[in-house]
């Protein structure tokens, strides 16, 4: 691999990272915008700042999982990385155009799987880690839903004698804290995924080894890039997340964001790359279901679940084609 190709692929990886922040901005800001606590511009600035602050709080366990825990590093070359990134980017663009809150994380994992299988067959996959990631497609939203629902129930009991106006005033302030926590979790888990890809690329090019830690400049670049992506925001998806699943008030927004943040902190500490989209969607459904099962638009939620199911196979298929194309253009 020439140095020029290496630089080009690092830039493509950072483009994906920017799109990740852009596409997944809704995860961090949808509830705080839809409840009217912050205006959209202030909300994305708030989220972007805490996306970057995550760099100082989390280890790089998720980056290590992506870099050497999903596919055999021995079969990786620049064509595989190119195919993985193009597969993830194309799926992100498609889902953004239709306002579907799919997972950038699983698009990237699907891209890696598709490109690796296209080159070396299914033996290139590290099935243990993949099965763990696939399991968390279901675990993360269910855990987010359960925690958000429990928080909503606890708040209802604690403030049973308070007036709705007073509750609204308190939780409009508290939602600033919960939005910050969720943005920390988003930055901590999602930025590391791109860092893992760039690290895998450096290992392939001979600039690093699997025994080394992720280079600091890679991690910093990814956190800065995802923060800038969040600044631009994905407004199509904000509407789906913030209003179409269920109508949210500040107390519900606080419970959803806090439940989602706890889930992300746990997954990141374990080094498991999870979907921030799945997590906050589950948390929002949990809040709506506590209020009233009929308050959740289950048709919208069901459509989102279908997008979750299709993300890995669809991005893998695009990545396999992109790997083949990459053999001729790189």
Protein backbone atom coordinates (compact mmCIF):
# COMPACT_ATOMS: atom_id res chain seq x y z
CA UNK A 1 0.00 0.00 0.00
CA UNK A 2 1.43 3.38 -1.01
CA UNK A 3 1.53 6.29 1.40
CA UNK A 4 -0.92 8.18 -0.83
CA UNK A 5 -3.47 5.35 -0.63
CA UNK A 6 -3.03 5.20 3.16
CA UNK A 7 -3.74 8.95 3.50
CA UNK A 8 -6.74 8.66 1.16
CA UNK A 9 -8.28 5.83 3.20
CA UNK A 10 -7.68 7.68 6.49
CA UNK A 11 -9.58 10.63 5.00
CA UNK A 12 -12.40 8.30 3.90
CA UNK A 13 -12.52 6.89 7.44
CA UNK A 14 -12.75 10.40 8.89
CA UNK A 15 -15.49 11.20 6.36
CA UNK A 16 -17.42 8.24 7.77
CA UNK A 17 -16.74 9.52 11.29
CA UNK A 18 -18.11 12.95 10.34
CA UNK A 19 -21.18 11.28 8.85
CA UNK A 20 -21.55 9.20 12.01
CA UNK A 21 -21.79 12.40 14.06
CA UNK A 22 -24.07 13.99 11.46
CA UNK A 23 -26.30 10.92 11.13
CA UNK A 24 -26.42 10.13 14.86
CA UNK A 25 -26.77 13.70 16.14
CA UNK A 26 -30.43 12.85 16.65
CA UNK A 27 -29.44 10.34 19.33
CA UNK A 28 -27.94 13.10 21.45
CA UNK A 29 -30.30 15.99 20.79
CA UNK A 30 -33.70 14.69 19.64
CA UNK A 31 -35.22 14.59 23.11
CA UNK A 32 -33.78 17.91 24.30
CA UNK A 33 -34.96 19.64 21.09
CA UNK A 34 -38.40 18.03 20.95
CA UNK A 35 -39.14 18.97 24.56
CA UNK A 36 -38.17 22.58 23.85
CA UNK A 37 -35.39 22.66 26.46
CA UNK A 38 -32.81 23.84 23.90
CA UNK A 39 -33.06 25.34 20.47
CA UNK A 40 -31.57 23.13 17.73
CA UNK A 41 -28.37 25.17 17.25
CA UNK A 42 -27.63 25.27 20.98
CA UNK A 43 -28.47 21.59 21.30
CA UNK A 44 -26.00 20.42 18.65
CA UNK A 45 -23.29 22.64 20.13
CA UNK A 46 -23.97 21.16 23.58
CA UNK A 47 -23.84 17.60 22.20
CA UNK A 48 -20.71 18.22 20.12
CA UNK A 49 -18.83 19.59 23.10
CA UNK A 50 -19.56 16.54 25.22
CA UNK A 51 -18.81 14.22 22.28
CA UNK A 52 -15.26 15.57 22.38
CA UNK A 53 -14.96 15.56 26.19
CA UNK A 54 -15.51 11.78 26.06
CA UNK A 55 -11.88 11.53 24.87
CA UNK A 56 -10.69 12.35 28.39
CA UNK A 57 -12.99 9.89 30.17
CA UNK A 58 -13.00 6.57 28.30
CA UNK A 59 -10.39 3.94 27.53
CA UNK A 60 -10.01 2.72 23.94
CA UNK A 61 -11.48 -0.76 24.46
CA UNK A 62 -14.11 -0.30 21.74
CA UNK A 63 -11.41 0.77 19.25
CA UNK A 64 -9.46 -2.37 20.10
CA UNK A 65 -12.53 -4.55 19.45
CA UNK A 66 -13.07 -2.98 16.01
CA UNK A 67 -9.36 -2.99 15.16
CA UNK A 68 -8.55 -6.60 15.95
CA UNK A 69 -11.65 -8.35 17.31
CA UNK A 70 -14.09 -8.72 14.39
CA UNK A 71 -12.12 -10.00 11.40
CA UNK A 72 -8.76 -11.73 11.06
CA UNK A 73 -6.17 -8.94 10.73
CA UNK A 74 -4.05 -11.25 8.57
CA UNK A 75 -6.45 -10.93 5.61
CA UNK A 76 -6.92 -7.18 5.87
CA UNK A 77 -5.56 -4.95 3.13
CA UNK A 78 -6.49 -1.52 1.77
CA UNK A 79 -9.17 -3.07 -0.48
CA UNK A 80 -10.94 -4.58 2.54
CA UNK A 81 -10.84 -1.26 4.43
CA UNK A 82 -12.08 0.61 1.36
CA UNK A 83 -14.98 -1.83 0.90
CA UNK A 84 -15.93 -1.63 4.61
CA UNK A 85 -15.99 2.16 4.66
CA UNK A 86 -17.90 2.54 1.39
CA UNK A 87 -20.47 -0.04 2.52
CA UNK A 88 -21.05 1.87 5.78
CA UNK A 89 -21.16 5.31 4.13
CA UNK A 90 -23.61 4.25 1.41
CA UNK A 91 -26.01 2.72 3.95
CA UNK A 92 -25.79 5.82 6.13
CA UNK A 93 -26.65 8.06 3.18
CA UNK A 94 -29.63 5.90 2.21
CA UNK A 95 -31.07 5.84 5.73
CA UNK A 96 -30.44 9.57 6.23
CA UNK A 97 -32.31 10.41 3.00
CA UNK A 98 -35.35 8.52 4.28
CA UNK A 99 -35.03 9.81 7.87
CA UNK A 100 -34.53 6.30 9.26
CA UNK A 101 -32.55 6.18 12.54
CA UNK A 102 -30.37 3.19 11.68
CA UNK A 103 -27.04 2.36 13.28
CA UNK A 104 -23.81 3.81 11.88
CA UNK A 105 -21.98 1.39 14.15
CA UNK A 106 -23.61 -1.69 12.72
CA UNK A 107 -23.22 -0.30 9.20
CA UNK A 108 -19.46 -0.19 9.82
CA UNK A 109 -19.42 -3.68 11.31
CA UNK A 110 -21.49 -4.97 8.38
CA UNK A 111 -19.04 -3.28 6.02
CA UNK A 112 -16.09 -5.04 7.65
CA UNK A 113 -17.89 -8.39 7.52
CA UNK A 114 -18.92 -8.01 3.87
CA UNK A 115 -15.50 -6.95 2.62
CA UNK A 116 -13.69 -9.66 4.62
CA UNK A 117 -16.03 -12.43 3.46
CA UNK A 118 -15.74 -11.23 -0.15
CA UNK A 119 -11.97 -11.61 0.06
CA UNK A 120 -11.42 -14.65 2.25
CA UNK A 121 -14.74 -16.32 3.01
CA UNK A 122 -16.47 -16.78 6.36
CA UNK A 123 -13.32 -18.17 7.98
CA UNK A 124 -12.04 -14.57 8.14
CA UNK A 125 -14.62 -13.70 10.79
CA UNK A 126 -13.97 -13.85 14.54
CA UNK A 127 -17.33 -15.34 15.43
CA UNK A 128 -17.13 -14.94 19.23
CA UNK A 129 -16.90 -11.14 19.10
CA UNK A 130 -19.41 -10.93 16.27
CA UNK A 131 -21.98 -12.94 18.21
CA UNK A 132 -21.48 -10.64 21.22
CA UNK A 133 -22.08 -7.58 19.02
CA UNK A 134 -25.14 -9.18 17.41
CA UNK A 135 -26.51 -10.04 20.85
CA UNK A 136 -26.24 -6.38 21.87
CA UNK A 137 -28.43 -5.41 18.90
CA UNK A 138 -31.19 -6.67 21.21
CA UNK A 139 -29.59 -6.19 24.64
CA UNK A 140 -28.77 -2.47 24.27
CA UNK A 141 -32.28 -1.23 23.35
CA UNK A 142 -33.92 -3.57 25.88
CA UNK A 143 -31.59 -2.40 28.64
CA UNK A 144 -32.12 1.24 27.64
CA UNK A 145 -35.88 0.66 27.63
CA UNK A 146 -35.86 -1.04 31.03
CA UNK A 147 -33.66 1.60 32.70
CA UNK A 148 -35.66 4.50 31.22
CA UNK A 149 -38.94 2.89 32.28
CA UNK A 150 -37.67 2.30 35.83
CA UNK A 151 -36.45 5.90 36.04
CA UNK A 152 -39.82 7.14 34.80
CA UNK A 153 -41.65 5.06 37.43
CA UNK A 154 -39.28 6.23 40.19
CA UNK A 155 -39.72 9.89 39.21
CA UNK A 156 -43.51 9.46 39.15
CA UNK A 157 -43.45 8.13 42.72
CA UNK A 158 -40.98 10.72 44.02
CA UNK A 159 -42.86 13.69 42.58
CA UNK A 160 -46.41 12.40 42.98
CA UNK A 161 -47.45 15.50 44.97
CA UNK A 162 -45.66 18.05 42.78
CA UNK A 163 -47.58 20.14 40.26
CA UNK A 164 -46.97 19.50 36.55
CA UNK A 165 -45.62 23.05 36.17
CA UNK A 166 -43.04 22.56 38.92
CA UNK A 167 -41.98 19.15 37.53
CA UNK A 168 -41.59 20.68 34.08
CA UNK A 169 -39.39 23.47 35.48
CA UNK A 170 -37.12 21.09 37.39
CA UNK A 171 -36.65 18.63 34.56
CA UNK A 172 -36.03 21.28 31.93
CA UNK A 173 -32.85 21.99 33.91
CA UNK A 174 -32.05 18.36 34.63
CA UNK A 175 -32.40 17.49 30.96
CA UNK A 176 -29.31 19.57 30.22
CA UNK A 177 -27.40 17.14 32.45
CA UNK A 178 -28.96 14.02 30.93
CA UNK A 179 -28.30 15.27 27.37
CA UNK A 180 -24.66 15.89 28.33
CA UNK A 181 -24.32 12.38 29.78
CA UNK A 182 -25.82 10.80 26.68
CA UNK A 183 -23.52 12.82 24.41
CA UNK A 184 -20.54 11.62 26.46
CA UNK A 185 -21.69 8.03 25.93
CA UNK A 186 -22.25 8.65 22.22
CA UNK A 187 -18.78 10.13 21.74
CA UNK A 188 -17.12 7.49 23.89
CA UNK A 189 -18.56 4.55 21.98
CA UNK A 190 -18.97 5.84 18.42
CA UNK A 191 -15.76 7.82 17.83
CA UNK A 192 -13.73 4.80 18.91
CA UNK A 193 -15.18 2.68 16.11
CA UNK A 194 -13.58 4.84 13.44
CA UNK A 195 -10.38 4.96 15.51
CA UNK A 196 -10.36 1.15 15.38
CA UNK A 197 -10.68 1.20 11.58
CA UNK A 198 -7.80 3.66 11.16
CA UNK A 199 -5.70 1.62 13.59
CA UNK A 200 -6.45 -1.53 11.56
CA UNK A 201 -5.33 0.38 8.46
CA UNK A 202 -2.07 1.41 10.14
CA UNK A 203 -1.43 -2.20 11.20
CA UNK A 204 -1.98 -3.32 7.60
CA UNK A 205 0.42 -0.65 6.32
CA UNK A 206 3.09 -1.64 8.85
CA UNK A 207 2.92 1.57 10.92
CA UNK A 208 1.55 -0.20 14.01
CA UNK A 209 1.06 -3.71 15.40
CA UNK A 210 -1.67 -5.50 17.33
CA UNK A 211 0.59 -5.34 20.40
CA UNK A 212 0.57 -1.54 20.36
CA UNK A 213 -2.14 0.71 21.76
CA UNK A 214 -4.24 2.91 19.51
CA UNK A 215 -2.13 5.98 18.55
CA UNK A 216 -3.24 9.10 20.41
CA UNK A 217 -3.44 11.22 17.24
CA UNK A 218 -5.93 8.75 15.75
CA UNK A 219 -8.22 8.93 18.79
CA UNK A 220 -8.05 12.73 18.96
CA UNK A 221 -8.76 13.09 15.22
CA UNK A 222 -11.80 10.84 15.52
CA UNK A 223 -13.24 12.66 18.53
CA UNK A 224 -12.78 16.05 16.87
CA UNK A 225 -14.33 14.82 13.62
CA UNK A 226 -17.41 13.23 15.21
CA UNK A 227 -17.93 16.41 17.24
CA UNK A 228 -17.92 18.49 14.03
CA UNK A 229 -20.34 16.02 12.43
CA UNK A 230 -22.69 16.42 15.37
CA UNK A 231 -22.48 20.20 14.99
CA UNK A 232 -24.06 19.94 11.56
CA UNK A 233 -26.86 17.72 12.86
CA UNK A 234 -29.16 15.27 11.11
CA UNK A 235 -32.49 17.09 11.24
CA UNK A 236 -34.51 14.52 9.28
CA UNK A 237 -33.78 11.90 11.93
CA UNK A 238 -34.31 14.29 14.85
CA UNK A 239 -38.00 14.52 13.95
CA UNK A 240 -38.41 10.74 13.85
CA UNK A 241 -36.65 10.19 17.16
CA UNK A 242 -38.05 13.17 19.04
CA UNK A 243 -41.72 13.18 18.05
CA UNK A 244 -42.85 10.34 15.82
CA UNK A 245 -42.13 7.45 18.25
CA UNK A 246 -43.89 9.14 21.19
CA UNK A 247 -44.53 12.68 22.42
CA UNK A 248 -41.94 13.66 25.01
CA UNK A 249 -41.97 16.11 27.91
CA UNK A 250 -38.81 17.20 29.80
CA UNK A 251 -39.29 14.54 32.50
CA UNK A 252 -39.54 11.84 29.82
CA UNK A 253 -36.58 13.24 27.94
CA UNK A 254 -34.50 13.17 31.12
CA UNK A 255 -35.39 9.53 31.86
CA UNK A 256 -34.76 8.40 28.25
CA UNK A 257 -31.37 10.13 28.01
CA UNK A 258 -30.23 8.97 31.45
CA UNK A 259 -31.26 5.35 30.83
CA UNK A 260 -29.54 5.43 27.45
CA UNK A 261 -26.39 7.02 28.89
CA UNK A 262 -26.04 4.33 31.59
CA UNK A 263 -26.35 1.65 28.90
CA UNK A 264 -23.65 3.29 26.75
CA UNK A 265 -21.28 3.77 29.68
CA UNK A 266 -21.61 0.08 30.55
CA UNK A 267 -21.05 -1.11 26.96
CA UNK A 268 -18.04 1.17 26.44
CA UNK A 269 -16.41 0.02 29.69
CA UNK A 270 -16.78 -3.58 28.44
CA UNK A 271 -15.35 -2.70 25.00
CA UNK A 272 -18.57 -3.61 23.18
CA UNK A 273 -19.43 -1.45 20.14
CA UNK A 274 -23.18 -0.88 20.44
CA UNK A 275 -25.66 1.19 18.51
CA UNK A 276 -26.38 4.54 20.13
CA UNK A 277 -29.42 4.70 17.84
CA UNK A 278 -30.83 1.41 19.13
CA UNK A 279 -30.14 2.43 22.70
CA UNK A 280 -31.95 5.77 22.70
CA UNK A 281 -34.84 4.37 20.64
CA UNK A 282 -35.38 1.66 23.25
CA UNK A 283 -35.19 4.26 26.03
CA UNK A 284 -37.77 6.52 24.32
CA UNK A 285 -40.12 3.55 23.85
CA UNK A 286 -39.67 2.67 27.54
CA UNK A 287 -40.69 6.17 28.62
CA UNK A 288 -43.72 6.17 26.32
CA UNK A 289 -44.86 2.73 27.43
CA UNK A 290 -44.82 3.74 31.13
CA UNK A 291 -47.14 6.65 30.37
CA UNK A 292 -49.46 4.53 28.25
CA UNK A 293 -48.82 1.63 25.88
CA UNK A 294 -50.95 3.40 23.29
CA UNK A 295 -48.69 6.50 23.59
CA UNK A 296 -46.04 4.66 21.58
CA UNK A 297 -46.49 4.64 17.81
CA UNK A 298 -45.64 0.97 17.41
CA UNK A 299 -45.82 1.14 13.63
CA UNK A 300 -43.00 3.71 13.55
CA UNK A 301 -41.02 1.70 16.13
CA UNK A 302 -41.53 -1.47 14.08
CA UNK A 303 -40.20 0.24 10.94
CA UNK A 304 -37.10 1.29 12.87
CA UNK A 305 -36.56 -2.30 14.06
CA UNK A 306 -36.65 -3.51 10.46
CA UNK A 307 -33.91 -1.00 9.65
CA UNK A 308 -31.87 -2.46 12.53
CA UNK A 309 -32.28 -5.99 11.18
CA UNK A 310 -31.34 -4.99 7.64
CA UNK A 311 -28.35 -2.75 8.46
CA UNK A 312 -25.60 -5.37 8.81
CA UNK A 313 -26.58 -7.56 5.79
CA UNK A 314 -27.27 -4.56 3.51
CA UNK A 315 -24.05 -2.71 4.37
CA UNK A 316 -22.18 -6.03 4.05
CA UNK A 317 -23.58 -6.54 0.54
CA UNK A 318 -22.58 -3.02 -0.54
CA UNK A 319 -19.12 -3.52 1.02
CA UNK A 320 -18.58 -6.76 -0.91
CA UNK A 321 -19.27 -4.93 -4.18
CA UNK A 322 -17.09 -1.98 -3.09
CA UNK A 323 -14.24 -4.41 -2.26
CA UNK A 324 -14.41 -5.77 -5.80
CA UNK A 325 -14.45 -2.25 -7.28
CA UNK A 326 -11.59 -1.21 -5.02
CA UNK A 327 -9.36 -3.92 -6.49
CA UNK A 328 -9.47 -2.02 -9.81
CA UNK A 329 -9.38 1.58 -8.63
CA UNK A 330 -6.84 1.44 -5.76
